[in-house]
PDB file of all heavy atoms in Angstrom:
ATOM      1  N   PHE A   1       7.527   9.642   8.022  1.00  0.00           N
ATOM      2  CA  PHE A   1       6.364  10.066   7.210  1.00  0.00           C
ATOM      3  C   PHE A   1       6.803  10.881   5.998  1.00  0.00           C
ATOM      4  O   PHE A   1       6.182  10.778   4.924  1.00  0.00           O
ATOM      5  CB  PHE A   1       5.379  10.877   8.073  1.00  0.00           C
ATOM      6  CG  PHE A   1       4.043  11.011   7.410  1.00  0.00           C
ATOM      7  CD1 PHE A   1       3.072  10.041   7.561  1.00  0.00           C
ATOM      8  CD2 PHE A   1       3.745  12.115   6.598  1.00  0.00           C
ATOM      9  CE1 PHE A   1       1.838  10.148   6.934  1.00  0.00           C
ATOM     10  CE2 PHE A   1       2.518  12.225   5.972  1.00  0.00           C
ATOM     11  CZ  PHE A   1       1.557  11.243   6.145  1.00  0.00           C
ATOM     12  N   ASP A   2       7.830  11.676   6.145  1.00  0.00           N
ATOM     13  CA  ASP A   2       8.320  12.452   4.984  1.00  0.00           C
ATOM     14  C   ASP A   2       8.766  11.515   3.877  1.00  0.00           C
ATOM     15  O   ASP A   2       8.544  11.797   2.688  1.00  0.00           O
ATOM     16  CB  ASP A   2       9.462  13.361   5.415  1.00  0.00           C
ATOM     17  CG  ASP A   2       8.986  14.542   6.272  1.00  0.00           C
ATOM     18  OD1 ASP A   2       7.784  14.849   6.193  1.00  0.00           O
ATOM     19  OD2 ASP A   2       9.810  15.110   6.979  1.00  0.00           O
ATOM     20  N   GLU A   3       9.395  10.435   4.267  1.00  0.00           N
ATOM     21  CA  GLU A   3       9.833   9.455   3.268  1.00  0.00           C
ATOM     22  C   GLU A   3       8.623   8.787   2.605  1.00  0.00           C
ATOM     23  O   GLU A   3       8.620   8.533   1.398  1.00  0.00           O
ATOM     24  CB  GLU A   3      10.734   8.402   3.915  1.00  0.00           C
ATOM     25  CG  GLU A   3      12.077   8.959   4.392  1.00  0.00           C
ATOM     26  CD  GLU A   3      12.941   7.876   5.016  1.00  0.00           C
ATOM     27  OE1 GLU A   3      12.598   6.690   4.888  1.00  0.00           O
ATOM     28  OE2 GLU A   3      13.959   8.241   5.625  1.00  0.00           O
ATOM     29  N   TYR A   4       7.623   8.518   3.431  1.00  0.00           N
ATOM     30  CA  TYR A   4       6.393   7.934   2.880  1.00  0.00           C
ATOM     31  C   TYR A   4       5.759   8.884   1.879  1.00  0.00           C
ATOM     32  O   TYR A   4       5.342   8.471   0.783  1.00  0.00           O
ATOM     33  CB  TYR A   4       5.422   7.610   4.012  1.00  0.00           C
ATOM     34  CG  TYR A   4       4.077   7.139   3.511  1.00  0.00           C
ATOM     35  CD1 TYR A   4       3.888   5.846   3.023  1.00  0.00           C
ATOM     36  CD2 TYR A   4       2.970   8.002   3.509  1.00  0.00           C
ATOM     37  CE1 TYR A   4       2.646   5.427   2.551  1.00  0.00           C
ATOM     38  CE2 TYR A   4       1.729   7.592   3.044  1.00  0.00           C
ATOM     39  CZ  TYR A   4       1.580   6.298   2.575  1.00  0.00           C
ATOM     40  OH  TYR A   4       0.359   5.880   2.094  1.00  0.00           O
ATOM     41  N   ARG A   5       5.640  10.164   2.248  1.00  0.00           N
ATOM     42  CA  ARG A   5       5.064  11.165   1.343  1.00  0.00           C
ATOM     43  C   ARG A   5       5.841  11.221   0.042  1.00  0.00           C
ATOM     44  O   ARG A   5       5.241  11.243  -1.052  1.00  0.00           O
ATOM     45  CB  ARG A   5       5.070  12.543   2.009  1.00  0.00           C
ATOM     46  CG  ARG A   5       4.458  13.633   1.118  1.00  0.00           C
ATOM     47  CD  ARG A   5       4.650  15.020   1.692  1.00  0.00           C
ATOM     48  NE  ARG A   5       3.896  15.219   2.925  1.00  0.00           N
ATOM     49  CZ  ARG A   5       4.453  15.272   4.136  1.00  0.00           C
ATOM     50  NH1 ARG A   5       5.774  15.141   4.288  1.00  0.00           N
ATOM     51  NH2 ARG A   5       3.707  15.456   5.209  1.00  0.00           N
ATOM     52  N   ASP A   6       7.160  11.235   0.133  1.00  0.00           N
ATOM     53  CA  ASP A   6       8.007  11.287  -1.069  1.00  0.00           C
ATOM     54  C   ASP A   6       7.788  10.062  -1.951  1.00  0.00           C
ATOM     55  O   ASP A   6       7.781  10.152  -3.184  1.00  0.00           O
ATOM     56  CB  ASP A   6       9.486  11.395  -0.688  1.00  0.00           C
ATOM     57  CG  ASP A   6       9.828  12.746  -0.055  1.00  0.00           C
ATOM     58  OD1 ASP A   6       9.039  13.695  -0.244  1.00  0.00           O
ATOM     59  OD2 ASP A   6      10.882  12.834   0.602  1.00  0.00           O
ATOM     60  N   SER A   7       7.587   8.910  -1.280  1.00  0.00           N
ATOM     61  CA  SER A   7       7.393   7.681  -2.080  1.00  0.00           C
ATOM     62  C   SER A   7       6.076   7.727  -2.840  1.00  0.00           C
ATOM     63  O   SER A   7       5.964   7.226  -3.959  1.00  0.00           O
ATOM     64  CB  SER A   7       7.417   6.450  -1.156  1.00  0.00           C
ATOM     65  OG  SER A   7       6.267   6.403  -0.316  1.00  0.00           O
ATOM     66  N   VAL A   8       5.054   8.358  -2.230  1.00  0.00           N
ATOM     67  CA  VAL A   8       3.757   8.503  -2.917  1.00  0.00           C
ATOM     68  C   VAL A   8       3.915   9.415  -4.126  1.00  0.00           C
ATOM     69  O   VAL A   8       3.454   9.088  -5.231  1.00  0.00           O
ATOM     70  CB  VAL A   8       2.700   9.067  -1.944  1.00  0.00           C
ATOM     71  CG1 VAL A   8       1.409   9.404  -2.717  1.00  0.00           C
ATOM     72  CG2 VAL A   8       2.416   8.072  -0.827  1.00  0.00           C
ATOM     73  N   ILE A   9       4.552  10.553  -3.922  1.00  0.00           N
ATOM     74  CA  ILE A   9       4.748  11.511  -5.029  1.00  0.00           C
ATOM     75  C   ILE A   9       5.552  10.861  -6.147  1.00  0.00           C
ATOM     76  O   ILE A   9       5.215  10.990  -7.333  1.00  0.00           O
ATOM     77  CB  ILE A   9       5.462  12.771  -4.501  1.00  0.00           C
ATOM     78  CG1 ILE A   9       4.553  13.515  -3.496  1.00  0.00           C
ATOM     79  CG2 ILE A   9       5.840  13.694  -5.663  1.00  0.00           C
ATOM     80  CD1 ILE A   9       5.234  14.660  -2.783  1.00  0.00           C
ATOM     81  N   GLU A  10       6.614  10.156  -5.766  1.00  0.00           N
ATOM     82  CA  GLU A  10       7.485   9.521  -6.761  1.00  0.00           C
ATOM     83  C   GLU A  10       6.738   8.439  -7.530  1.00  0.00           C
ATOM     84  O   GLU A  10       6.901   8.285  -8.742  1.00  0.00           O
ATOM     85  CB  GLU A  10       8.703   8.921  -6.065  1.00  0.00           C
ATOM     86  CG  GLU A  10       9.690   8.289  -7.031  1.00  0.00           C
ATOM     87  CD  GLU A  10      10.907   7.720  -6.308  1.00  0.00           C
ATOM     88  OE1 GLU A  10      11.096   8.014  -5.109  1.00  0.00           O
ATOM     89  OE2 GLU A  10      11.661   6.971  -6.967  1.00  0.00           O
ATOM     90  N   GLY A  11       5.890   7.674  -6.819  1.00  0.00           N
ATOM     91  CA  GLY A  11       5.152   6.598  -7.476  1.00  0.00           C
ATOM     92  C   GLY A  11       4.246   7.115  -8.581  1.00  0.00           C
ATOM     93  O   GLY A  11       4.208   6.570  -9.689  1.00  0.00           O
ATOM     94  N   PHE A  12       3.520   8.187  -8.284  1.00  0.00           N
ATOM     95  CA  PHE A  12       2.630   8.740  -9.310  1.00  0.00           C
ATOM     96  C   PHE A  12       3.408   9.440 -10.424  1.00  0.00           C
ATOM     97  O   PHE A  12       3.021   9.392 -11.602  1.00  0.00           O
ATOM     98  CB  PHE A  12       1.640   9.713  -8.663  1.00  0.00           C
ATOM     99  CG  PHE A  12       0.501   9.022  -7.969  1.00  0.00           C
ATOM    100  CD1 PHE A  12       0.576   8.686  -6.611  1.00  0.00           C
ATOM    101  CD2 PHE A  12      -0.639   8.665  -8.675  1.00  0.00           C
ATOM    102  CE1 PHE A  12      -0.473   8.047  -5.973  1.00  0.00           C
ATOM    103  CE2 PHE A  12      -1.689   8.014  -8.035  1.00  0.00           C
ATOM    104  CZ  PHE A  12      -1.595   7.685  -6.683  1.00  0.00           C
ATOM    105  N   ALA A  13       4.527  10.063 -10.057  1.00  0.00           N
ATOM    106  CA  ALA A  13       5.363  10.733 -11.071  1.00  0.00           C
ATOM    107  C   ALA A  13       5.917   9.738 -12.061  1.00  0.00           C
ATOM    108  O   ALA A  13       6.078  10.037 -13.246  1.00  0.00           O
ATOM    109  CB  ALA A  13       6.486  11.488 -10.376  1.00  0.00           C
ATOM    110  N   THR A  14       6.200   8.525 -11.575  1.00  0.00           N
ATOM    111  CA  THR A  14       6.713   7.486 -12.469  1.00  0.00           C
ATOM    112  C   THR A  14       5.721   7.175 -13.592  1.00  0.00           C
ATOM    113  O   THR A  14       6.105   6.839 -14.710  1.00  0.00           O
ATOM    114  CB  THR A  14       7.012   6.199 -11.674  1.00  0.00           C
ATOM    115  OG1 THR A  14       7.972   6.493 -10.660  1.00  0.00           O
ATOM    116  CG2 THR A  14       7.549   5.105 -12.575  1.00  0.00           C
ATOM    117  N   TRP A  15       4.443   7.334 -13.286  1.00  0.00           N
ATOM    118  CA  TRP A  15       3.385   7.115 -14.301  1.00  0.00           C
ATOM    119  C   TRP A  15       3.070   8.394 -15.070  1.00  0.00           C
ATOM    120  O   TRP A  15       2.114   8.422 -15.850  1.00  0.00           O
ATOM    121  CB  TRP A  15       2.130   6.608 -13.610  1.00  0.00           C
ATOM    122  CG  TRP A  15       2.157   5.142 -13.332  1.00  0.00           C
ATOM    123  CD1 TRP A  15       2.961   4.475 -12.447  1.00  0.00           C
ATOM    124  CD2 TRP A  15       1.349   4.134 -13.961  1.00  0.00           C
ATOM    125  NE1 TRP A  15       2.706   3.139 -12.460  1.00  0.00           N
ATOM    126  CE2 TRP A  15       1.718   2.892 -13.400  1.00  0.00           C
ATOM    127  CE3 TRP A  15       0.343   4.154 -14.921  1.00  0.00           C
ATOM    128  CZ2 TRP A  15       1.115   1.693 -13.766  1.00  0.00           C
ATOM    129  CZ3 TRP A  15      -0.250   2.962 -15.293  1.00  0.00           C
ATOM    130  CH2 TRP A  15       0.138   1.742 -14.733  1.00  0.00           C
ATOM    131  N   GLY A  16       3.842   9.424 -14.852  1.00  0.00           N
ATOM    132  CA  GLY A  16       3.586  10.686 -15.560  1.00  0.00           C
ATOM    133  C   GLY A  16       2.405  11.422 -15.026  1.00  0.00           C
ATOM    134  O   GLY A  16       1.779  12.203 -15.731  1.00  0.00           O
ATOM    135  N   ILE A  17       2.081  11.185 -13.731  1.00  0.00           N
ATOM    136  CA  ILE A  17       0.888  11.803 -13.124  1.00  0.00           C
ATOM    137  C   ILE A  17       1.338  12.928 -12.193  1.00  0.00           C
ATOM    138  O   ILE A  17       2.092  12.696 -11.244  1.00  0.00           O
ATOM    139  CB  ILE A  17       0.073  10.776 -12.325  1.00  0.00           C
ATOM    140  CG1 ILE A  17      -0.363   9.616 -13.235  1.00  0.00           C
ATOM    141  CG2 ILE A  17      -1.136  11.436 -11.672  1.00  0.00           C
ATOM    142  CD1 ILE A  17      -0.877   8.407 -12.491  1.00  0.00           C
ATOM    143  N   GLU A  18       0.860  14.104 -12.466  1.00  0.00           N
ATOM    144  CA  GLU A  18       1.110  15.257 -11.598  1.00  0.00           C
ATOM    145  C   GLU A  18      -0.227  15.770 -11.096  1.00  0.00           C
ATOM    146  O   GLU A  18      -0.912  16.530 -11.800  1.00  0.00           O
ATOM    147  CB  GLU A  18       1.856  16.355 -12.346  1.00  0.00           C
ATOM    148  CG  GLU A  18       2.267  17.513 -11.463  1.00  0.00           C
ATOM    149  CD  GLU A  18       3.072  18.568 -12.202  1.00  0.00           C
ATOM    150  OE1 GLU A  18       3.541  18.279 -13.333  1.00  0.00           O
ATOM    151  OE2 GLU A  18       3.233  19.666 -11.646  1.00  0.00           O
ATOM    152  N   PRO A  19      -0.643  15.339  -9.886  1.00  0.00           N
ATOM    153  CA  PRO A  19      -1.970  15.718  -9.378  1.00  0.00           C
ATOM    154  C   PRO A  19      -2.062  17.216  -9.123  1.00  0.00           C
ATOM    155  O   PRO A  19      -1.052  17.893  -8.940  1.00  0.00           O
ATOM    156  CB  PRO A  19      -2.098  14.903  -8.096  1.00  0.00           C
ATOM    157  CG  PRO A  19      -0.691  14.693  -7.637  1.00  0.00           C
ATOM    158  CD  PRO A  19       0.119  14.551  -8.894  1.00  0.00           C
ATOM    159  N   ASP A  20      -3.293  17.697  -9.106  1.00  0.00           N
ATOM    160  CA  ASP A  20      -3.510  19.125  -8.817  1.00  0.00           C
ATOM    161  C   ASP A  20      -3.329  19.424  -7.331  1.00  0.00           C
ATOM    162  O   ASP A  20      -3.223  20.598  -6.951  1.00  0.00           O
ATOM    163  CB  ASP A  20      -4.900  19.537  -9.286  1.00  0.00           C
ATOM    164  CG  ASP A  20      -5.009  19.475 -10.806  1.00  0.00           C
ATOM    165  OD1 ASP A  20      -5.313  18.386 -11.337  1.00  0.00           O
ATOM    166  OD2 ASP A  20      -4.794  20.503 -11.462  1.00  0.00           O
ATOM    167  N   GLY A  21      -3.319  18.381  -6.524  1.00  0.00           N
ATOM    168  CA  GLY A  21      -3.091  18.550  -5.102  1.00  0.00           C
ATOM    169  C   GLY A  21      -2.984  17.196  -4.441  1.00  0.00           C
ATOM    170  O   GLY A  21      -3.479  16.182  -4.975  1.00  0.00           O
ATOM    171  N   LEU A  22      -2.328  17.129  -3.278  1.00  0.00           N
ATOM    172  CA  LEU A  22      -2.161  15.879  -2.556  1.00  0.00           C
ATOM    173  C   LEU A  22      -2.433  16.128  -1.086  1.00  0.00           C
ATOM    174  O   LEU A  22      -1.823  17.018  -0.461  1.00  0.00           O
ATOM    175  CB  LEU A  22      -0.734  15.350  -2.758  1.00  0.00           C
ATOM    176  CG  LEU A  22      -0.324  14.103  -1.964  1.00  0.00           C
ATOM    177  CD1 LEU A  22      -1.214  12.914  -2.291  1.00  0.00           C
ATOM    178  CD2 LEU A  22       1.148  13.769  -2.248  1.00  0.00           C
ATOM    179  N   PHE A  23      -3.360  15.350  -0.512  1.00  0.00           N
ATOM    180  CA  PHE A  23      -3.744  15.520   0.900  1.00  0.00           C
ATOM    181  C   PHE A  23      -3.598  14.195   1.636  1.00  0.00           C
ATOM    182  O   PHE A  23      -3.945  13.134   1.107  1.00  0.00           O
ATOM    183  CB  PHE A  23      -5.201  15.997   1.009  1.00  0.00           C
ATOM    184  CG  PHE A  23      -5.467  17.315   0.332  1.00  0.00           C
ATOM    185  CD1 PHE A  23      -5.891  17.374  -1.002  1.00  0.00           C
ATOM    186  CD2 PHE A  23      -5.301  18.509   1.018  1.00  0.00           C
ATOM    187  CE1 PHE A  23      -6.126  18.584  -1.623  1.00  0.00           C
ATOM    188  CE2 PHE A  23      -5.525  19.731   0.400  1.00  0.00           C
ATOM    189  CZ  PHE A  23      -5.944  19.768  -0.920  1.00  0.00           C
ATOM    190  N   PHE A  24      -3.075  14.292   2.868  1.00  0.00           N
ATOM    191  CA  PHE A  24      -2.981  13.130   3.742  1.00  0.00           C
ATOM    192  C   PHE A  24      -3.961  13.366   4.890  1.00  0.00           C
ATOM    193  O   PHE A  24      -3.897  14.399   5.569  1.00  0.00           O
ATOM    194  CB  PHE A  24      -1.550  12.965   4.257  1.00  0.00           C
ATOM    195  CG  PHE A  24      -0.562  12.646   3.171  1.00  0.00           C
ATOM    196  CD1 PHE A  24       0.068  13.678   2.469  1.00  0.00           C
ATOM    197  CD2 PHE A  24      -0.275  11.347   2.841  1.00  0.00           C
ATOM    198  CE1 PHE A  24       0.963  13.396   1.462  1.00  0.00           C
ATOM    199  CE2 PHE A  24       0.646  11.056   1.825  1.00  0.00           C
ATOM    200  CZ  PHE A  24       1.258  12.090   1.119  1.00  0.00           C
ATOM    201  N   THR A  25      -4.871  12.429   5.114  1.00  0.00           N
ATOM    202  CA  THR A  25      -5.947  12.672   6.085  1.00  0.00           C
ATOM    203  C   THR A  25      -6.152  11.471   7.010  1.00  0.00           C
ATOM    204  O   THR A  25      -5.807  10.323   6.698  1.00  0.00           O
ATOM    205  CB  THR A  25      -7.272  12.965   5.370  1.00  0.00           C
ATOM    206  OG1 THR A  25      -7.626  11.816   4.598  1.00  0.00           O
ATOM    207  CG2 THR A  25      -7.173  14.194   4.489  1.00  0.00           C
ATOM    208  N   SER A  26      -6.761  11.785   8.151  1.00  0.00           N
ATOM    209  CA  SER A  26      -7.218  10.765   9.094  1.00  0.00           C
ATOM    210  C   SER A  26      -8.527  11.228   9.694  1.00  0.00           C
ATOM    211  O   SER A  26      -8.625  12.345  10.218  1.00  0.00           O
ATOM    212  CB  SER A  26      -6.193  10.527  10.209  1.00  0.00           C
ATOM    213  OG  SER A  26      -6.718   9.669  11.191  1.00  0.00           O
ATOM    214  N   LEU A  27      -9.541  10.386   9.586  1.00  0.00           N
ATOM    215  CA  LEU A  27     -10.829  10.689  10.213  1.00  0.00           C
ATOM    216  C   LEU A  27     -10.895  10.119  11.623  1.00  0.00           C
ATOM    217  O   LEU A  27     -11.754  10.526  12.412  1.00  0.00           O
ATOM    218  CB  LEU A  27     -11.969  10.101   9.362  1.00  0.00           C
ATOM    219  CG  LEU A  27     -12.030  10.583   7.912  1.00  0.00           C
ATOM    220  CD1 LEU A  27     -13.208   9.940   7.203  1.00  0.00           C
ATOM    221  CD2 LEU A  27     -12.122  12.097   7.834  1.00  0.00           C
ATOM    222  N   MET A  28      -9.992   9.200  11.930  1.00  0.00           N
ATOM    223  CA  MET A  28      -9.966   8.578  13.241  1.00  0.00           C
ATOM    224  C   MET A  28      -9.164   9.402  14.245  1.00  0.00           C
ATOM    225  O   MET A  28      -9.522   9.488  15.421  1.00  0.00           O
ATOM    226  CB  MET A  28      -9.351   7.172  13.122  1.00  0.00           C
ATOM    227  CG  MET A  28     -10.124   6.246  12.203  1.00  0.00           C
ATOM    228  SD  MET A  28     -11.784   5.859  12.786  1.00  0.00           S
ATOM    229  CE  MET A  28     -11.380   4.890  14.239  1.00  0.00           C
ATOM    230  N   GLU A  29      -8.070   9.998  13.769  1.00  0.00           N
ATOM    231  CA  GLU A  29      -7.219  10.815  14.654  1.00  0.00           C
ATOM    232  C   GLU A  29      -7.160  12.228  14.097  1.00  0.00           C
ATOM    233  O   GLU A  29      -6.286  12.561  13.306  1.00  0.00           O
ATOM    234  CB  GLU A  29      -5.814  10.226  14.770  1.00  0.00           C
ATOM    235  CG  GLU A  29      -5.759   8.865  15.426  1.00  0.00           C
ATOM    236  CD  GLU A  29      -4.319   8.348  15.569  1.00  0.00           C
ATOM    237  OE1 GLU A  29      -3.378   9.193  15.518  1.00  0.00           O
ATOM    238  OE2 GLU A  29      -4.136   7.138  15.728  1.00  0.00           O
ATOM    239  N   GLU A  30      -8.096  13.039  14.495  1.00  0.00           N
ATOM    240  CA  GLU A  30      -8.182  14.384  13.953  1.00  0.00           C
ATOM    241  C   GLU A  30      -6.947  15.233  14.298  1.00  0.00           C
ATOM    242  O   GLU A  30      -6.613  16.142  13.555  1.00  0.00           O
ATOM    243  CB  GLU A  30      -9.456  15.072  14.476  1.00  0.00           C
ATOM    244  CG  GLU A  30     -10.726  14.414  13.980  1.00  0.00           C
ATOM    245  CD  GLU A  30     -11.957  15.178  14.428  1.00  0.00           C
ATOM    246  OE1 GLU A  30     -11.809  16.321  14.907  1.00  0.00           O
ATOM    247  OE2 GLU A  30     -13.069  14.630  14.297  1.00  0.00           O
ATOM    248  N   ASP A  31      -6.323  14.901  15.421  1.00  0.00           N
ATOM    249  CA  ASP A  31      -5.160  15.679  15.839  1.00  0.00           C
ATOM    250  C   ASP A  31      -3.848  15.090  15.357  1.00  0.00           C
ATOM    251  O   ASP A  31      -2.770  15.461  15.840  1.00  0.00           O
ATOM    252  CB  ASP A  31      -5.153  15.813  17.379  1.00  0.00           C
ATOM    253  CG  ASP A  31      -5.121  14.446  18.055  1.00  0.00           C
ATOM    254  OD1 ASP A  31      -5.292  13.423  17.350  1.00  0.00           O
ATOM    255  OD2 ASP A  31      -4.959  14.404  19.298  1.00  0.00           O
ATOM    256  N   HIS A  32      -3.940  14.178  14.389  1.00  0.00           N
ATOM    257  CA  HIS A  32      -2.697  13.588  13.838  1.00  0.00           C
ATOM    258  C   HIS A  32      -1.842  14.699  13.244  1.00  0.00           C
ATOM    259  O   HIS A  32      -2.348  15.591  12.558  1.00  0.00           O
ATOM    260  CB  HIS A  32      -3.055  12.550  12.764  1.00  0.00           C
ATOM    261  CG  HIS A  32      -1.916  11.695  12.355  1.00  0.00           C
ATOM    262  ND1 HIS A  32      -0.852  12.141  11.608  1.00  0.00           N
ATOM    263  CD2 HIS A  32      -1.678  10.360  12.581  1.00  0.00           C
ATOM    264  CE1 HIS A  32      -0.015  11.160  11.373  1.00  0.00           C
ATOM    265  NE2 HIS A  32      -0.493  10.052  11.960  1.00  0.00           N
ATOM    266  N   ASP A  33      -0.518  14.642  13.495  1.00  0.00           N
ATOM    267  CA  ASP A  33       0.378  15.718  13.062  1.00  0.00           C
ATOM    268  C   ASP A  33       0.338  15.955  11.565  1.00  0.00           C
ATOM    269  O   ASP A  33       0.549  17.102  11.103  1.00  0.00           O
ATOM    270  CB  ASP A  33       1.820  15.411  13.504  1.00  0.00           C
ATOM    271  CG  ASP A  33       1.991  15.489  15.015  1.00  0.00           C
ATOM    272  OD1 ASP A  33       1.112  16.130  15.653  1.00  0.00           O
ATOM    273  OD2 ASP A  33       2.977  14.922  15.519  1.00  0.00           O
ATOM    274  N   GLU A  34       0.097  14.929  10.800  1.00  0.00           N
ATOM    275  CA  GLU A  34       0.142  15.047   9.337  1.00  0.00           C
ATOM    276  C   GLU A  34      -1.265  15.176   8.726  1.00  0.00           C
ATOM    277  O   GLU A  34      -1.399  15.183   7.511  1.00  0.00           O
ATOM    278  CB  GLU A  34       0.860  13.839   8.727  1.00  0.00           C
ATOM    279  CG  GLU A  34       2.263  13.605   9.243  1.00  0.00           C
ATOM    280  CD  GLU A  34       3.212  14.742   8.926  1.00  0.00           C
ATOM    281  OE1 GLU A  34       2.931  15.513   7.957  1.00  0.00           O
ATOM    282  OE2 GLU A  34       4.240  14.875   9.610  1.00  0.00           O
ATOM    283  N   ASN A  35      -2.271  15.255   9.555  1.00  0.00           N
ATOM    284  CA  ASN A  35      -3.641  15.315   9.055  1.00  0.00           C
ATOM    285  C   ASN A  35      -3.902  16.641   8.334  1.00  0.00           C
ATOM    286  O   ASN A  35      -3.737  17.708   8.895  1.00  0.00           O
ATOM    287  CB  ASN A  35      -4.628  15.146  10.211  1.00  0.00           C
ATOM    288  CG  ASN A  35      -6.050  14.914   9.727  1.00  0.00           C
ATOM    289  OD1 ASN A  35      -6.298  14.813   8.539  1.00  0.00           O
ATOM    290  ND2 ASN A  35      -7.002  14.860  10.652  1.00  0.00           N
ATOM    291  N   MET A  36      -4.341  16.546   7.084  1.00  0.00           N
ATOM    292  CA  MET A  36      -4.596  17.725   6.244  1.00  0.00           C
ATOM    293  C   MET A  36      -6.092  17.873   5.940  1.00  0.00           C
ATOM    294  O   MET A  36      -6.475  18.490   4.948  1.00  0.00           O
ATOM    295  CB  MET A  36      -3.802  17.632   4.940  1.00  0.00           C
ATOM    296  CG  MET A  36      -2.299  17.539   5.128  1.00  0.00           C
ATOM    297  SD  MET A  36      -1.426  17.266   3.565  1.00  0.00           S
ATOM    298  CE  MET A  36      -1.710  18.815   2.732  1.00  0.00           C
ATOM    299  N   PHE A  37      -6.922  17.327   6.818  1.00  0.00           N
ATOM    300  CA  PHE A  37      -8.357  17.392   6.550  1.00  0.00           C
ATOM    301  C   PHE A  37      -8.850  18.829   6.426  1.00  0.00           C
ATOM    302  O   PHE A  37      -9.664  19.150   5.552  1.00  0.00           O
ATOM    303  CB  PHE A  37      -9.134  16.656   7.650  1.00  0.00           C
ATOM    304  CG  PHE A  37     -10.608  16.656   7.407  1.00  0.00           C
ATOM    305  CD1 PHE A  37     -11.194  15.740   6.560  1.00  0.00           C
ATOM    306  CD2 PHE A  37     -11.434  17.612   8.009  1.00  0.00           C
ATOM    307  CE1 PHE A  37     -12.559  15.756   6.317  1.00  0.00           C
ATOM    308  CE2 PHE A  37     -12.799  17.632   7.787  1.00  0.00           C
ATOM    309  CZ  PHE A  37     -13.351  16.704   6.920  1.00  0.00           C
ATOM    310  N   ASP A  38      -8.376  19.691   7.312  1.00  0.00           N
ATOM    311  CA  ASP A  38      -8.818  21.082   7.257  1.00  0.00           C
ATOM    312  C   ASP A  38      -8.415  21.734   5.927  1.00  0.00           C
ATOM    313  O   ASP A  38      -9.187  22.501   5.347  1.00  0.00           O
ATOM    314  CB  ASP A  38      -8.235  21.877   8.422  1.00  0.00           C
ATOM    315  CG  ASP A  38      -8.833  21.470   9.764  1.00  0.00           C
ATOM    316  OD1 ASP A  38      -9.927  20.856   9.737  1.00  0.00           O
ATOM    317  OD2 ASP A  38      -8.209  21.745  10.806  1.00  0.00           O
TER     318      ASP A  38
END
């Protein structure tokens, strides 16, 4: 998952996009280890 996260950040950076924040969420698995809904 860390590699996946890095690939997302890198993909947007390639377009010169620096978001104000990045969240990974799941509405189906609230207890997912990477869920940032809160």
